[in-house]
Amino acid sequence: MSDGIRLIVNADDFGMSRGITDAIVVAHRYGFLTSTSLMVNMRAVDYAVSRAPAFPALAIGVHLNICQGRPLLPARDVRTLVDDNGEFYSPREMAVRLWTWRVASAEIEREFRAQIRWMKERGFAPSHADSHHHMHIYPAAARAFVRALAAEGIACARA
């Protein structure tokens, strides 16, 4: 590509399940997939982490998640993000909470940073950051997203 144009094809949800993780690996190995985003708080994250070294050309970013599963931080530290069972509110409920400013920006930033640090502690330098169900684009989360990325040294974000 002599004119400097580059196409990045990204697949979210790396680590959400074994099936999704395997599909991403196959799409990279035999297709056109160049990038993926790791969900560090999902059940197959260790499986995804174990598969990643076999694909050094696959760029891996962090898929920040505040609307599915459990937070990495203790629930007591992110009370506005979780229900009574300590799980993140569903995507629909979290969207409403973000839209109506019923979340603490500081809690979002702390959880985002915890997820980024989890990835870094396992030897990954995130190529980019984005968020599950685009939660980072809501005004109540946008500043926390920007602050977390700046603090953790991630220069590229996917909108």
N, C-alpha and C. Protein backbone atom coordinates (compact mmCIF):
# COMPACT_ATOMS: atom_id res chain seq x y z
N MET A 1 0.84 -1.19 0.00
CA MET A 1 0.00 0.00 0.00
C MET A 1 0.88 1.24 0.00
N SER A 2 1.23 1.67 -1.12
CA SER A 2 2.17 2.77 -1.23
C SER A 2 1.58 4.12 -0.85
N ASP A 3 0.26 4.25 -0.90
CA ASP A 3 -0.35 5.54 -0.58
C ASP A 3 -0.64 5.73 0.90
N GLY A 4 -0.26 4.78 1.74
CA GLY A 4 -0.42 4.92 3.18
C GLY A 4 -1.80 4.58 3.69
N ILE A 5 -2.69 4.14 2.84
CA ILE A 5 -4.03 3.76 3.29
C ILE A 5 -3.96 2.37 3.91
N ARG A 6 -4.60 2.24 5.05
CA ARG A 6 -4.58 0.98 5.78
C ARG A 6 -5.99 0.66 6.25
N LEU A 7 -6.40 -0.58 6.10
CA LEU A 7 -7.72 -1.01 6.55
C LEU A 7 -7.55 -1.85 7.81
N ILE A 8 -8.24 -1.44 8.87
CA ILE A 8 -8.25 -2.20 10.11
C ILE A 8 -9.63 -2.82 10.26
N VAL A 9 -9.67 -4.14 10.38
CA VAL A 9 -10.93 -4.83 10.62
C VAL A 9 -10.85 -5.41 12.02
N ASN A 10 -11.71 -4.94 12.91
CA ASN A 10 -11.68 -5.30 14.32
C ASN A 10 -12.87 -6.16 14.70
N ALA A 11 -12.63 -7.14 15.56
CA ALA A 11 -13.70 -7.96 16.13
C ALA A 11 -13.69 -7.78 17.64
N ASP A 12 -14.80 -7.34 18.18
CA ASP A 12 -14.94 -7.20 19.62
C ASP A 12 -15.20 -8.56 20.27
N ASP A 13 -15.19 -8.56 21.59
CA ASP A 13 -15.63 -9.69 22.42
C ASP A 13 -14.65 -10.85 22.51
N PHE A 14 -13.36 -10.63 22.21
CA PHE A 14 -12.33 -11.64 22.39
C PHE A 14 -12.30 -12.00 23.87
N GLY A 15 -12.54 -13.27 24.19
CA GLY A 15 -12.58 -13.70 25.58
C GLY A 15 -13.97 -13.79 26.18
N MET A 16 -14.99 -13.40 25.42
CA MET A 16 -16.36 -13.49 25.94
C MET A 16 -16.76 -14.96 26.10
N SER A 17 -16.44 -15.77 25.11
CA SER A 17 -16.70 -17.21 25.16
C SER A 17 -15.63 -17.90 24.33
N ARG A 18 -15.51 -19.21 24.49
CA ARG A 18 -14.55 -19.95 23.67
C ARG A 18 -14.93 -19.89 22.20
N GLY A 19 -16.22 -20.00 21.91
CA GLY A 19 -16.68 -19.97 20.52
C GLY A 19 -16.35 -18.66 19.83
N ILE A 20 -16.62 -17.55 20.50
CA ILE A 20 -16.30 -16.24 19.92
C ILE A 20 -14.79 -16.10 19.76
N THR A 21 -14.05 -16.50 20.76
CA THR A 21 -12.59 -16.41 20.70
C THR A 21 -12.05 -17.24 19.53
N ASP A 22 -12.54 -18.47 19.38
CA ASP A 22 -12.08 -19.31 18.27
C ASP A 22 -12.45 -18.70 16.92
N ALA A 23 -13.64 -18.13 16.82
CA ALA A 23 -14.06 -17.50 15.56
C ALA A 23 -13.15 -16.33 15.20
N ILE A 24 -12.76 -15.56 16.19
CA ILE A 24 -11.86 -14.42 15.95
C ILE A 24 -10.50 -14.93 15.47
N VAL A 25 -9.99 -15.97 16.09
CA VAL A 25 -8.71 -16.55 15.70
C VAL A 25 -8.78 -17.08 14.26
N VAL A 26 -9.85 -17.78 13.93
CA VAL A 26 -10.00 -18.31 12.57
C VAL A 26 -10.11 -17.17 11.56
N ALA A 27 -10.89 -16.15 11.88
CA ALA A 27 -11.04 -15.00 10.97
C ALA A 27 -9.70 -14.29 10.75
N HIS A 28 -8.88 -14.25 11.78
CA HIS A 28 -7.56 -13.65 11.63
C HIS A 28 -6.64 -14.55 10.81
N ARG A 29 -6.62 -15.82 11.15
CA ARG A 29 -5.71 -16.75 10.49
C ARG A 29 -6.02 -16.93 9.01
N TYR A 30 -7.29 -17.04 8.67
CA TYR A 30 -7.67 -17.37 7.30
C TYR A 30 -8.42 -16.25 6.57
N GLY A 31 -8.61 -15.14 7.23
CA GLY A 31 -9.41 -14.09 6.62
C GLY A 31 -8.74 -12.75 6.63
N PHE A 32 -9.50 -11.77 6.91
CA PHE A 32 -9.05 -10.39 6.80
C PHE A 32 -9.02 -9.66 8.14
N LEU A 33 -9.30 -10.34 9.22
CA LEU A 33 -9.35 -9.71 10.54
C LEU A 33 -7.95 -9.31 10.99
N THR A 34 -7.78 -8.05 11.34
CA THR A 34 -6.46 -7.55 11.73
C THR A 34 -6.37 -7.17 13.20
N SER A 35 -7.50 -7.06 13.88
CA SER A 35 -7.53 -6.51 15.23
C SER A 35 -8.69 -7.10 16.02
N THR A 36 -8.49 -7.18 17.32
CA THR A 36 -9.58 -7.63 18.19
C THR A 36 -9.53 -6.83 19.49
N SER A 37 -10.58 -6.93 20.27
CA SER A 37 -10.67 -6.22 21.55
C SER A 37 -11.01 -7.23 22.64
N LEU A 38 -10.14 -7.32 23.65
CA LEU A 38 -10.25 -8.30 24.72
C LEU A 38 -11.18 -7.84 25.83
N MET A 39 -12.12 -8.71 26.21
CA MET A 39 -13.02 -8.46 27.34
C MET A 39 -12.43 -9.17 28.55
N VAL A 40 -11.82 -8.42 29.43
CA VAL A 40 -11.04 -9.02 30.51
C VAL A 40 -11.89 -9.58 31.65
N ASN A 41 -13.16 -9.26 31.71
CA ASN A 41 -13.97 -9.74 32.83
C ASN A 41 -14.94 -10.86 32.43
N MET A 42 -14.71 -11.48 31.29
CA MET A 42 -15.63 -12.51 30.84
C MET A 42 -15.04 -13.92 31.05
N ARG A 43 -15.89 -14.92 30.97
CA ARG A 43 -15.54 -16.28 31.39
C ARG A 43 -14.43 -16.94 30.56
N ALA A 44 -14.23 -16.55 29.32
CA ALA A 44 -13.22 -17.21 28.49
C ALA A 44 -11.98 -16.35 28.30
N VAL A 45 -11.77 -15.37 29.17
CA VAL A 45 -10.62 -14.47 28.99
C VAL A 45 -9.30 -15.22 29.12
N ASP A 46 -9.20 -16.16 30.05
CA ASP A 46 -7.95 -16.90 30.19
C ASP A 46 -7.68 -17.74 28.93
N TYR A 47 -8.72 -18.27 28.34
CA TYR A 47 -8.58 -19.02 27.09
C TYR A 47 -8.07 -18.10 25.99
N ALA A 48 -8.65 -16.91 25.87
CA ALA A 48 -8.21 -15.95 24.85
C ALA A 48 -6.76 -15.56 25.07
N VAL A 49 -6.40 -15.29 26.32
CA VAL A 49 -5.02 -14.92 26.64
C VAL A 49 -4.06 -16.05 26.26
N SER A 50 -4.47 -17.28 26.47
CA SER A 50 -3.60 -18.42 26.13
C SER A 50 -3.45 -18.59 24.62
N ARG A 51 -4.43 -18.19 23.86
CA ARG A 51 -4.40 -18.32 22.39
C ARG A 51 -3.62 -17.19 21.72
N ALA A 52 -3.61 -16.03 22.31
CA ALA A 52 -3.05 -14.83 21.69
C ALA A 52 -1.60 -14.95 21.23
N PRO A 53 -0.69 -15.55 22.00
CA PRO A 53 0.72 -15.58 21.57
C PRO A 53 0.94 -16.28 20.22
N ALA A 54 0.05 -17.16 19.83
CA ALA A 54 0.19 -17.86 18.55
C ALA A 54 -0.11 -16.95 17.36
N PHE A 55 -0.59 -15.73 17.63
CA PHE A 55 -0.99 -14.82 16.55
C PHE A 55 -0.38 -13.44 16.77
N PRO A 56 0.93 -13.32 16.62
CA PRO A 56 1.59 -12.05 16.92
C PRO A 56 1.18 -10.89 16.02
N ALA A 57 0.64 -11.16 14.85
CA ALA A 57 0.21 -10.08 13.95
C ALA A 57 -1.18 -9.55 14.31
N LEU A 58 -1.87 -10.21 15.21
CA LEU A 58 -3.21 -9.77 15.61
C LEU A 58 -3.09 -8.67 16.66
N ALA A 59 -3.50 -7.46 16.29
CA ALA A 59 -3.50 -6.36 17.25
C ALA A 59 -4.60 -6.62 18.28
N ILE A 60 -4.27 -6.41 19.55
CA ILE A 60 -5.25 -6.67 20.61
C ILE A 60 -5.42 -5.42 21.46
N GLY A 61 -6.63 -4.91 21.45
CA GLY A 61 -6.99 -3.78 22.30
C GLY A 61 -7.81 -4.26 23.47
N VAL A 62 -8.29 -3.32 24.25
CA VAL A 62 -9.11 -3.66 25.41
C VAL A 62 -10.55 -3.23 25.13
N HIS A 63 -11.48 -4.14 25.40
CA HIS A 63 -12.91 -3.91 25.18
C HIS A 63 -13.51 -3.64 26.56
N LEU A 64 -13.47 -2.38 26.98
CA LEU A 64 -13.90 -2.00 28.33
C LEU A 64 -15.39 -2.29 28.51
N ASN A 65 -15.71 -2.89 29.64
CA ASN A 65 -17.05 -3.42 29.84
C ASN A 65 -17.61 -2.98 31.18
N ILE A 66 -18.74 -2.28 31.13
CA ILE A 66 -19.46 -1.92 32.35
C ILE A 66 -20.93 -2.31 32.25
N CYS A 67 -21.24 -3.29 31.37
CA CYS A 67 -22.66 -3.64 31.20
C CYS A 67 -22.91 -5.14 31.03
N GLN A 68 -21.94 -5.96 31.41
CA GLN A 68 -22.16 -7.40 31.35
C GLN A 68 -21.17 -8.09 32.26
N GLY A 69 -21.64 -9.06 33.02
CA GLY A 69 -20.77 -9.79 33.94
C GLY A 69 -20.52 -9.02 35.22
N ARG A 70 -19.38 -9.30 35.83
CA ARG A 70 -19.01 -8.68 37.10
C ARG A 70 -17.83 -7.75 36.89
N PRO A 71 -17.74 -6.71 37.70
CA PRO A 71 -16.57 -5.83 37.61
C PRO A 71 -15.33 -6.54 38.15
N LEU A 72 -14.17 -6.03 37.78
CA LEU A 72 -12.93 -6.53 38.37
C LEU A 72 -12.76 -6.01 39.79
N LEU A 73 -13.19 -4.78 40.01
CA LEU A 73 -13.12 -4.19 41.34
C LEU A 73 -14.22 -4.77 42.22
N PRO A 74 -14.04 -4.73 43.53
CA PRO A 74 -15.12 -5.18 44.42
C PRO A 74 -16.38 -4.35 44.18
N ALA A 75 -17.53 -5.00 44.23
CA ALA A 75 -18.80 -4.32 43.99
C ALA A 75 -18.98 -3.09 44.87
N ARG A 76 -18.49 -3.16 46.10
CA ARG A 76 -18.64 -2.02 47.02
C ARG A 76 -17.91 -0.77 46.51
N ASP A 77 -16.92 -0.97 45.62
CA ASP A 77 -16.15 0.16 45.08
C ASP A 77 -16.76 0.75 43.81
N VAL A 78 -17.76 0.08 43.27
CA VAL A 78 -18.42 0.56 42.04
C VAL A 78 -19.94 0.43 42.17
N ARG A 79 -20.46 0.88 43.30
CA ARG A 79 -21.88 0.69 43.64
C ARG A 79 -22.85 1.23 42.59
N THR A 80 -22.50 2.33 41.92
CA THR A 80 -23.46 2.89 40.95
C THR A 80 -23.46 2.11 39.65
N LEU A 81 -22.55 1.15 39.49
CA LEU A 81 -22.45 0.38 38.25
C LEU A 81 -23.04 -1.02 38.35
N VAL A 82 -23.36 -1.45 39.58
CA VAL A 82 -23.78 -2.83 39.77
C VAL A 82 -25.12 -2.93 40.48
N ASP A 83 -25.78 -4.08 40.26
CA ASP A 83 -27.06 -4.34 40.93
C ASP A 83 -26.80 -4.96 42.31
N ASP A 84 -27.85 -5.40 42.96
CA ASP A 84 -27.72 -5.96 44.31
C ASP A 84 -26.93 -7.27 44.35
N ASN A 85 -26.78 -7.93 43.20
CA ASN A 85 -26.01 -9.16 43.12
C ASN A 85 -24.54 -8.91 42.78
N GLY A 86 -24.17 -7.64 42.64
CA GLY A 86 -22.78 -7.31 42.33
C GLY A 86 -22.43 -7.45 40.86
N GLU A 87 -23.44 -7.58 40.01
CA GLU A 87 -23.21 -7.68 38.57
C GLU A 87 -23.52 -6.35 37.91
N PHE A 88 -22.81 -6.08 36.80
CA PHE A 88 -23.12 -4.87 36.07
C PHE A 88 -24.57 -4.88 35.64
N TYR A 89 -25.17 -3.70 35.60
CA TYR A 89 -26.51 -3.58 35.04
C TYR A 89 -26.48 -4.01 33.58
N SER A 90 -27.61 -4.48 33.09
CA SER A 90 -27.70 -4.90 31.69
C SER A 90 -27.38 -3.72 30.76
N PRO A 91 -27.04 -4.00 29.51
CA PRO A 91 -26.75 -2.90 28.59
C PRO A 91 -27.87 -1.87 28.53
N ARG A 92 -29.09 -2.32 28.51
CA ARG A 92 -30.21 -1.38 28.42
C ARG A 92 -30.32 -0.52 29.68
N GLU A 93 -30.23 -1.16 30.85
CA GLU A 93 -30.31 -0.42 32.10
C GLU A 93 -29.11 0.51 32.27
N MET A 94 -27.93 0.04 31.90
CA MET A 94 -26.74 0.89 32.03
C MET A 94 -26.85 2.09 31.10
N ALA A 95 -27.37 1.90 29.91
CA ALA A 95 -27.55 3.03 28.99
C ALA A 95 -28.47 4.09 29.61
N VAL A 96 -29.55 3.65 30.24
CA VAL A 96 -30.46 4.58 30.89
C VAL A 96 -29.74 5.30 32.03
N ARG A 97 -29.01 4.54 32.82
CA ARG A 97 -28.28 5.14 33.95
C ARG A 97 -27.23 6.15 33.47
N LEU A 98 -26.54 5.82 32.40
CA LEU A 98 -25.55 6.74 31.84
C LEU A 98 -26.22 7.99 31.28
N TRP A 99 -27.31 7.78 30.58
CA TRP A 99 -28.03 8.89 29.96
C TRP A 99 -28.59 9.86 31.00
N THR A 100 -28.99 9.33 32.15
CA THR A 100 -29.60 10.15 33.20
C THR A 100 -28.61 10.50 34.32
N TRP A 101 -27.35 10.26 34.08
CA TRP A 101 -26.27 10.60 35.02
C TRP A 101 -26.45 9.96 36.40
N ARG A 102 -26.92 8.70 36.43
CA ARG A 102 -27.09 7.99 37.69
C ARG A 102 -25.93 7.02 37.93
N VAL A 103 -24.77 7.43 37.49
CA VAL A 103 -23.54 6.67 37.71
C VAL A 103 -22.47 7.63 38.20
N ALA A 104 -21.47 7.09 38.87
CA ALA A 104 -20.35 7.92 39.33
C ALA A 104 -19.21 7.80 38.32
N SER A 105 -18.86 8.91 37.73
CA SER A 105 -17.78 8.93 36.74
C SER A 105 -16.48 8.38 37.32
N ALA A 106 -16.20 8.69 38.56
CA ALA A 106 -14.98 8.19 39.20
C ALA A 106 -14.98 6.66 39.28
N GLU A 107 -16.15 6.06 39.50
CA GLU A 107 -16.25 4.60 39.55
C GLU A 107 -15.99 4.01 38.17
N ILE A 108 -16.53 4.63 37.14
CA ILE A 108 -16.31 4.15 35.78
C ILE A 108 -14.82 4.21 35.46
N GLU A 109 -14.19 5.33 35.77
CA GLU A 109 -12.76 5.47 35.50
C GLU A 109 -11.95 4.41 36.24
N ARG A 110 -12.26 4.18 37.50
CA ARG A 110 -11.52 3.18 38.27
C ARG A 110 -11.68 1.78 37.68
N GLU A 111 -12.90 1.44 37.29
CA GLU A 111 -13.13 0.11 36.70
C GLU A 111 -12.45 0.00 35.34
N PHE A 112 -12.53 1.03 34.52
CA PHE A 112 -11.84 1.01 33.23
C PHE A 112 -10.34 0.81 33.44
N ARG A 113 -9.77 1.54 34.38
CA ARG A 113 -8.33 1.43 34.64
C ARG A 113 -7.98 0.04 35.17
N ALA A 114 -8.84 -0.52 35.99
CA ALA A 114 -8.59 -1.88 36.50
C ALA A 114 -8.58 -2.88 35.35
N GLN A 115 -9.49 -2.72 34.40
CA GLN A 115 -9.54 -3.64 33.27
C GLN A 115 -8.31 -3.47 32.37
N ILE A 116 -7.87 -2.25 32.16
CA ILE A 116 -6.67 -2.01 31.36
C ILE A 116 -5.45 -2.60 32.08
N ARG A 117 -5.35 -2.38 33.38
CA ARG A 117 -4.21 -2.89 34.15
C ARG A 117 -4.18 -4.42 34.15
N TRP A 118 -5.35 -5.04 34.23
CA TRP A 118 -5.43 -6.50 34.19
C TRP A 118 -4.74 -7.01 32.92
N MET A 119 -5.05 -6.38 31.82
CA MET A 119 -4.47 -6.77 30.54
C MET A 119 -2.96 -6.54 30.52
N LYS A 120 -2.54 -5.38 31.00
CA LYS A 120 -1.11 -5.06 31.03
C LYS A 120 -0.34 -6.01 31.93
N GLU A 121 -0.92 -6.39 33.06
CA GLU A 121 -0.26 -7.30 33.99
C GLU A 121 -0.02 -8.68 33.38
N ARG A 122 -0.71 -8.99 32.32
CA ARG A 122 -0.54 -10.26 31.63
C ARG A 122 0.34 -10.11 30.38
N GLY A 123 1.00 -8.98 30.28
CA GLY A 123 1.98 -8.79 29.22
C GLY A 123 1.46 -8.17 27.94
N PHE A 124 0.23 -7.70 27.93
CA PHE A 124 -0.34 -7.09 26.73
C PHE A 124 -0.24 -5.57 26.81
N ALA A 125 0.14 -4.96 25.71
CA ALA A 125 0.09 -3.50 25.57
C ALA A 125 -1.08 -3.22 24.64
N PRO A 126 -2.22 -2.79 25.17
CA PRO A 126 -3.41 -2.61 24.34
C PRO A 126 -3.15 -1.69 23.15
N SER A 127 -3.49 -2.17 21.95
CA SER A 127 -3.31 -1.37 20.74
C SER A 127 -4.34 -0.25 20.65
N HIS A 128 -5.44 -0.43 21.32
CA HIS A 128 -6.53 0.55 21.31
C HIS A 128 -7.50 0.22 22.44
N ALA A 129 -8.47 1.08 22.62
CA ALA A 129 -9.55 0.81 23.58
C ALA A 129 -10.88 1.16 22.92
N ASP A 130 -11.89 0.42 23.31
CA ASP A 130 -13.26 0.71 22.94
C ASP A 130 -14.12 0.16 24.08
N SER A 131 -15.42 0.11 23.91
CA SER A 131 -16.23 -0.41 25.01
C SER A 131 -17.39 -1.25 24.50
N HIS A 132 -17.77 -2.18 25.36
CA HIS A 132 -18.88 -3.08 25.06
C HIS A 132 -20.16 -2.26 24.94
N HIS A 133 -20.88 -2.47 23.87
CA HIS A 133 -22.11 -1.74 23.56
C HIS A 133 -21.90 -0.22 23.52
N HIS A 134 -20.68 0.18 23.22
CA HIS A 134 -20.34 1.62 23.03
C HIS A 134 -20.69 2.48 24.25
N MET A 135 -20.59 1.91 25.43
CA MET A 135 -20.94 2.66 26.64
C MET A 135 -20.06 3.90 26.83
N HIS A 136 -18.87 3.90 26.27
CA HIS A 136 -17.95 5.03 26.48
C HIS A 136 -18.38 6.30 25.75
N ILE A 137 -19.33 6.20 24.83
CA ILE A 137 -19.73 7.42 24.11
C ILE A 137 -20.84 8.20 24.82
N TYR A 138 -21.42 7.64 25.86
CA TYR A 138 -22.42 8.39 26.63
C TYR A 138 -21.70 9.49 27.42
N PRO A 139 -22.29 10.66 27.49
CA PRO A 139 -21.62 11.76 28.19
C PRO A 139 -21.17 11.43 29.61
N ALA A 140 -21.94 10.63 30.34
CA ALA A 140 -21.58 10.30 31.71
C ALA A 140 -20.34 9.40 31.79
N ALA A 141 -19.97 8.75 30.69
CA ALA A 141 -18.81 7.86 30.68
C ALA A 141 -17.64 8.40 29.87
N ALA A 142 -17.90 9.35 28.99
CA ALA A 142 -16.87 9.80 28.04
C ALA A 142 -15.62 10.35 28.73
N ARG A 143 -15.81 11.21 29.71
CA ARG A 143 -14.64 11.78 30.39
C ARG A 143 -13.86 10.72 31.16
N ALA A 144 -14.58 9.80 31.79
CA ALA A 144 -13.91 8.72 32.51
C ALA A 144 -13.10 7.86 31.54
N PHE A 145 -13.64 7.61 30.37
CA PHE A 145 -12.95 6.84 29.33
C PHE A 145 -11.67 7.55 28.91
N VAL A 146 -11.78 8.84 28.60
CA VAL A 146 -10.62 9.62 28.17
C VAL A 146 -9.55 9.67 29.27
N ARG A 147 -9.97 9.90 30.49
CA ARG A 147 -9.02 9.97 31.61
C ARG A 147 -8.33 8.61 31.83
N ALA A 148 -9.09 7.53 31.76
CA ALA A 148 -8.51 6.20 31.97
C ALA A 148 -7.49 5.88 30.89
N LEU A 149 -7.81 6.18 29.65
CA LEU A 149 -6.87 5.91 28.57
C LEU A 149 -5.61 6.74 28.71
N ALA A 150 -5.77 8.02 29.03
CA ALA A 150 -4.60 8.89 29.20
C ALA A 150 -3.72 8.39 30.35
N ALA A 151 -4.35 8.04 31.46
CA ALA A 151 -3.59 7.58 32.63
C ALA A 151 -2.86 6.27 32.37
N GLU A 152 -3.43 5.45 31.52
CA GLU A 152 -2.85 4.12 31.25
C GLU A 152 -2.03 4.09 29.96
N GLY A 153 -1.89 5.23 29.30
CA GLY A 153 -1.01 5.33 28.14
C GLY A 153 -1.55 4.71 26.86
N ILE A 154 -2.86 4.71 26.70
CA ILE A 154 -3.44 4.19 25.46
C ILE A 154 -3.80 5.39 24.58
N ALA A 155 -3.20 5.46 23.41
CA ALA A 155 -3.34 6.63 22.54
C ALA A 155 -4.44 6.50 21.50
N CYS A 156 -4.94 5.30 21.27
CA CYS A 156 -5.91 5.09 20.19
C CYS A 156 -7.22 4.57 20.77
N ALA A 157 -8.31 5.22 20.39
CA ALA A 157 -9.65 4.78 20.81
C ALA A 157 -10.50 4.56 19.58
N ARG A 158 -11.36 3.55 19.68
CA ARG A 158 -12.29 3.26 18.59
C ARG A 158 -13.65 3.79 19.00
N ALA A 159 -14.26 4.59 18.16
CA ALA A 159 -15.56 5.22 18.50
C ALA A 159 -16.70 4.24 18.34
